[in-house]
Amino acid sequence: MKQLYIASIRAHAIGEGPGRRTAIFVSGCSIRCPGCQNPHLFERSTGRTMTVDEVIAVVIAAKDTGVSLLGGEPLDQAEGVAKLCAVLRAQNIHTVVYTGYLYEKLTVRSQSDLAVRDILNTADVLVDGPYVEALGDENIQFRGSRNQRVIDLPRTRASGSLTLLDWDTRLTILLQSGAINVPACDTTRPLIRLLGEPEAEHVCGHVAPDSIPNTEKGI
């Protein structure tokens, strides 16, 4: 039975990819980018072990439109993540995987690592590349620094060439509650002030140390 080291699961997330998603933060990272906002997830012991079935049960209960896998580094737990991606695909749940590894390196690794191959063959989107502090930009959506690419995996698989998605033109999200999520940046902050007092800003990919190892939003 495949297991994962999980630091936190956040249901109904709107900062970790388009739409309302369940954000799954794994613990453990061998890349350890300078300036990382989640250094408390570097060690696997930060989280707790959960079976893939247990994680799926949380995802199903959340009833979100998609899942985002972050960390930590999901590809450091490739076997468990591959199993999770396969089940999510079978459930027709849109899946985004964030990784500090470059896609080109992963394709080479996939030739000998079947779990990595399975992830690249089942996930919908791969956000790749390490966080580079000097390229950090709050005006981009759903990632931390400009070097990180948003890869459309199905189209990449079909065409045989790298196909990227543009997430930065989508500036607002209308929620079922009627609230509007506007990424806080230099161009939107004046508008946010005019509309009223905003809720606390959530940075993509950040998980607070005091939320670990418990899952969030009551799940």
Protein backbone atom coordinates (compact mmCIF):
# COMPACT_ATOMS: atom_id res chain seq x y z
CA MET A 1 0.00 0.00 0.00
CA LYS A 2 1.54 3.30 -1.15
CA GLN A 3 2.08 5.96 1.50
CA LEU A 4 2.89 9.65 1.39
CA TYR A 5 4.38 12.03 3.92
CA ILE A 6 1.74 14.75 4.17
CA ALA A 7 2.23 18.07 5.96
CA SER A 8 -1.18 19.60 5.28
CA ILE A 9 -4.25 19.35 3.08
CA ARG A 10 -6.15 22.57 2.36
CA ALA A 11 -9.64 22.18 0.90
CA HIS A 12 -11.29 24.88 -1.26
CA ALA A 13 -7.95 26.54 -2.07
CA ILE A 14 -7.94 29.33 -4.65
CA GLY A 15 -4.23 30.20 -4.68
CA GLU A 16 -2.69 26.95 -5.90
CA GLY A 17 -4.04 26.82 -9.44
CA PRO A 18 -7.16 27.81 -11.37
CA GLY A 19 -10.55 27.16 -9.81
CA ARG A 20 -11.37 25.82 -6.37
CA ARG A 21 -8.86 23.10 -5.57
CA THR A 22 -7.68 20.78 -2.83
CA ALA A 23 -4.04 21.65 -2.13
CA ILE A 24 -1.97 18.73 -0.84
CA PHE A 25 1.35 19.69 0.74
CA VAL A 26 3.86 16.87 1.06
CA SER A 27 6.73 17.07 3.55
CA GLY A 28 10.34 16.48 2.60
CA CYS A 29 12.42 18.28 -0.03
CA SER A 30 15.91 17.54 -1.32
CA ILE A 31 16.10 20.70 -3.47
CA ARG A 32 15.73 23.30 -0.69
CA CYS A 33 15.67 26.48 -2.77
CA PRO A 34 17.19 29.56 -1.10
CA GLY A 35 14.39 31.86 0.03
CA CYS A 36 11.79 29.06 0.06
CA GLN A 37 8.64 30.09 1.93
CA ASN A 38 8.18 26.58 3.34
CA PRO A 39 11.55 25.67 4.88
CA HIS A 40 9.61 23.94 7.66
CA LEU A 41 8.67 21.30 5.06
CA PHE A 42 12.25 20.37 4.18
CA GLU A 43 12.23 17.35 6.51
CA ARG A 44 9.83 14.45 5.91
CA SER A 45 9.36 14.09 9.65
CA THR A 46 7.46 17.39 9.61
CA GLY A 47 4.41 15.60 8.24
CA ARG A 48 2.59 12.39 8.96
CA THR A 49 2.17 9.30 6.84
CA MET A 50 -1.10 8.81 4.98
CA THR A 51 -2.04 6.11 2.53
CA VAL A 52 -3.11 7.11 -0.95
CA ASP A 53 -6.60 5.84 -0.11
CA GLU A 54 -6.73 8.15 2.93
CA VAL A 55 -5.67 11.14 0.85
CA ILE A 56 -8.24 10.31 -1.83
CA ALA A 57 -10.96 10.12 0.82
CA VAL A 58 -10.13 13.69 1.87
CA VAL A 59 -10.17 14.85 -1.76
CA ILE A 60 -13.53 13.24 -2.46
CA ALA A 61 -15.03 14.76 0.70
CA ALA A 62 -13.85 18.24 -0.31
CA LYS A 63 -15.74 18.08 -3.64
CA ASP A 64 -13.36 20.54 -5.29
CA THR A 65 -12.84 20.79 -9.04
CA GLY A 66 -9.16 19.94 -8.93
CA VAL A 67 -6.13 18.93 -6.88
CA SER A 68 -2.72 20.60 -6.59
CA LEU A 69 0.28 18.71 -5.22
CA LEU A 70 2.92 20.91 -3.61
CA GLY A 71 5.44 20.78 -0.83
CA GLY A 72 8.04 20.08 0.00
CA GLU A 73 8.90 18.26 -3.19
CA PRO A 74 6.28 15.85 -4.59
CA LEU A 75 8.74 14.17 -6.97
CA ASP A 76 10.88 13.08 -4.01
CA GLN A 77 7.96 10.74 -3.24
CA ALA A 78 7.42 9.70 -6.82
CA GLU A 79 5.91 6.25 -6.19
CA GLY A 80 3.18 7.52 -3.87
CA VAL A 81 2.50 10.58 -6.02
CA ALA A 82 2.27 8.41 -9.14
CA LYS A 83 -0.35 6.22 -7.49
CA LEU A 84 -2.26 9.29 -6.31
CA CYS A 85 -2.17 10.86 -9.81
CA ALA A 86 -3.43 7.62 -11.35
CA VAL A 87 -6.42 7.48 -8.99
CA LEU A 88 -7.19 11.17 -9.54
CA ARG A 89 -7.11 10.65 -13.31
CA ALA A 90 -9.47 7.68 -12.99
CA GLN A 91 -11.81 9.96 -10.99
CA ASN A 92 -11.54 12.63 -13.70
CA ILE A 93 -10.08 15.13 -11.21
CA HIS A 94 -7.83 17.80 -12.74
CA THR A 95 -4.34 17.49 -11.23
CA VAL A 96 -1.52 20.02 -11.02
CA VAL A 97 1.91 18.90 -9.77
CA TYR A 98 4.44 21.48 -8.59
CA THR A 99 8.10 20.47 -8.70
CA GLY A 100 11.49 22.10 -8.38
CA TYR A 101 12.87 19.70 -11.00
CA LEU A 102 12.94 20.75 -14.65
CA TYR A 103 10.69 18.88 -17.08
CA GLU A 104 13.64 18.02 -19.32
CA LYS A 105 15.44 16.38 -16.39
CA LEU A 106 12.31 14.48 -15.43
CA THR A 107 11.87 13.08 -18.95
CA VAL A 108 15.39 11.68 -18.75
CA ARG A 109 14.73 10.31 -15.28
CA SER A 110 11.46 8.76 -16.48
CA GLN A 111 13.38 6.38 -18.74
CA SER A 112 14.53 4.44 -15.69
CA ASP A 113 12.05 5.61 -13.04
CA LEU A 114 8.61 4.22 -13.85
CA ALA A 115 6.92 6.29 -11.15
CA VAL A 116 8.14 9.56 -12.70
CA ARG A 117 7.02 8.31 -16.11
CA ASP A 118 3.58 7.57 -14.72
CA ILE A 119 3.30 11.06 -13.18
CA LEU A 120 4.16 12.71 -16.50
CA ASN A 121 1.62 10.46 -18.22
CA THR A 122 -1.29 11.04 -15.83
CA ALA A 123 -1.06 14.57 -14.40
CA ASP A 124 -2.71 17.44 -16.27
CA VAL A 125 -0.30 20.27 -15.49
CA LEU A 126 3.30 20.38 -14.32
CA VAL A 127 4.65 23.60 -12.81
CA ASP A 128 8.38 23.05 -13.02
CA GLY A 129 11.61 24.66 -11.93
CA PRO A 130 13.16 25.73 -8.63
CA TYR A 131 12.08 28.88 -6.85
CA VAL A 132 14.59 31.60 -7.73
CA GLU A 133 14.43 34.39 -5.20
CA ALA A 134 15.85 36.99 -7.60
CA LEU A 135 13.03 36.19 -10.05
CA GLY A 136 10.24 36.25 -7.47
CA ASP A 137 7.28 38.21 -8.80
CA GLU A 138 3.94 38.81 -7.06
CA ASN A 139 2.38 39.87 -10.37
CA ILE A 140 2.34 36.29 -11.69
CA GLN A 141 -0.32 33.77 -10.75
CA PHE A 142 -0.09 30.39 -9.05
CA ARG A 143 3.71 30.19 -8.80
CA GLY A 144 6.56 31.97 -7.08
CA SER A 145 9.18 33.06 -9.62
CA ARG A 146 9.26 33.95 -13.32
CA ASN A 147 11.43 31.00 -14.33
CA GLN A 148 8.76 28.47 -13.33
CA ARG A 149 6.82 27.15 -16.32
CA VAL A 150 3.22 25.96 -16.55
CA ILE A 151 3.30 22.87 -18.76
CA ASP A 152 0.21 21.42 -20.41
CA LEU A 153 1.09 17.73 -20.08
CA PRO A 154 -1.69 16.21 -22.28
CA ARG A 155 -0.83 18.52 -25.19
CA THR A 156 2.88 17.99 -24.64
CA ARG A 157 2.36 14.22 -24.75
CA ALA A 158 0.21 14.46 -27.89
CA SER A 159 2.49 16.81 -29.83
CA GLY A 160 5.84 15.54 -28.62
CA SER A 161 6.96 19.12 -27.95
CA LEU A 162 6.73 21.28 -24.86
CA THR A 163 3.41 23.15 -24.66
CA LEU A 164 2.96 25.90 -22.09
CA LEU A 165 -0.15 27.45 -20.56
CA ASP A 166 -0.55 31.16 -19.85
CA TRP A 167 -1.97 31.57 -16.36
CA ASP A 168 -1.10 35.25 -16.00
CA THR A 169 -3.95 36.69 -18.11
CA ARG A 170 -6.60 35.32 -15.71
CA LEU A 171 -6.82 38.03 -13.07
CA THR A 172 -10.07 37.37 -11.19
CA ILE A 173 -11.99 34.37 -9.95
CA LEU A 174 -15.71 34.54 -9.18
CA LEU A 175 -16.51 32.24 -6.28
CA GLN A 176 -19.80 30.54 -5.51
CA SER A 177 -20.00 32.65 -2.34
CA GLY A 178 -20.02 35.77 -4.47
CA ALA A 179 -16.56 36.84 -3.33
CA ILE A 180 -13.97 37.78 -5.92
CA ASN A 181 -10.39 36.63 -5.61
CA VAL A 182 -8.02 39.22 -7.08
CA PRO A 183 -4.30 38.41 -6.93
CA ALA A 184 -2.70 41.22 -4.93
CA CYS A 185 -0.10 42.97 -7.08
CA ASP A 186 0.98 46.48 -7.97
CA THR A 187 -1.82 46.93 -10.51
CA THR A 188 -4.68 45.48 -8.43
CA ARG A 189 -4.03 46.85 -4.93
CA PRO A 190 -5.68 50.26 -5.66
CA LEU A 191 -8.79 48.43 -6.91
CA ILE A 192 -8.84 46.19 -3.84
CA ARG A 193 -8.77 49.27 -1.58
CA LEU A 194 -11.71 50.80 -3.45
CA LEU A 195 -13.78 47.63 -3.13
CA GLY A 196 -13.31 47.40 0.62
CA GLU A 197 -11.25 45.61 3.22
CA PRO A 198 -9.73 42.48 1.67
CA GLU A 199 -9.30 39.20 3.46
CA ALA A 200 -5.80 38.19 4.50
CA GLU A 201 -3.70 37.64 1.41
CA HIS A 202 -2.73 34.06 0.67
CA VAL A 203 0.56 33.46 -1.11
CA CYS A 204 0.58 30.60 -3.60
CA GLY A 205 2.17 27.49 -2.16
CA HIS A 206 2.55 28.74 1.40
CA VAL A 207 1.52 26.61 4.34
CA ALA A 208 1.81 28.02 7.84
CA PRO A 209 3.94 26.07 10.33
CA ASP A 210 1.14 26.14 12.90
CA SER A 211 -1.19 24.25 10.51
CA ILE A 212 1.04 21.17 10.49
CA PRO A 213 0.39 18.24 10.78
CA ASN A 214 -3.35 18.92 10.88
CA THR A 215 -5.37 19.28 7.72
CA GLU A 216 -7.16 22.59 7.24
CA LYS A 217 -10.75 23.73 6.69
CA GLY A 218 -12.07 21.10 9.05
CA ILE A 219 -11.02 18.07 7.05
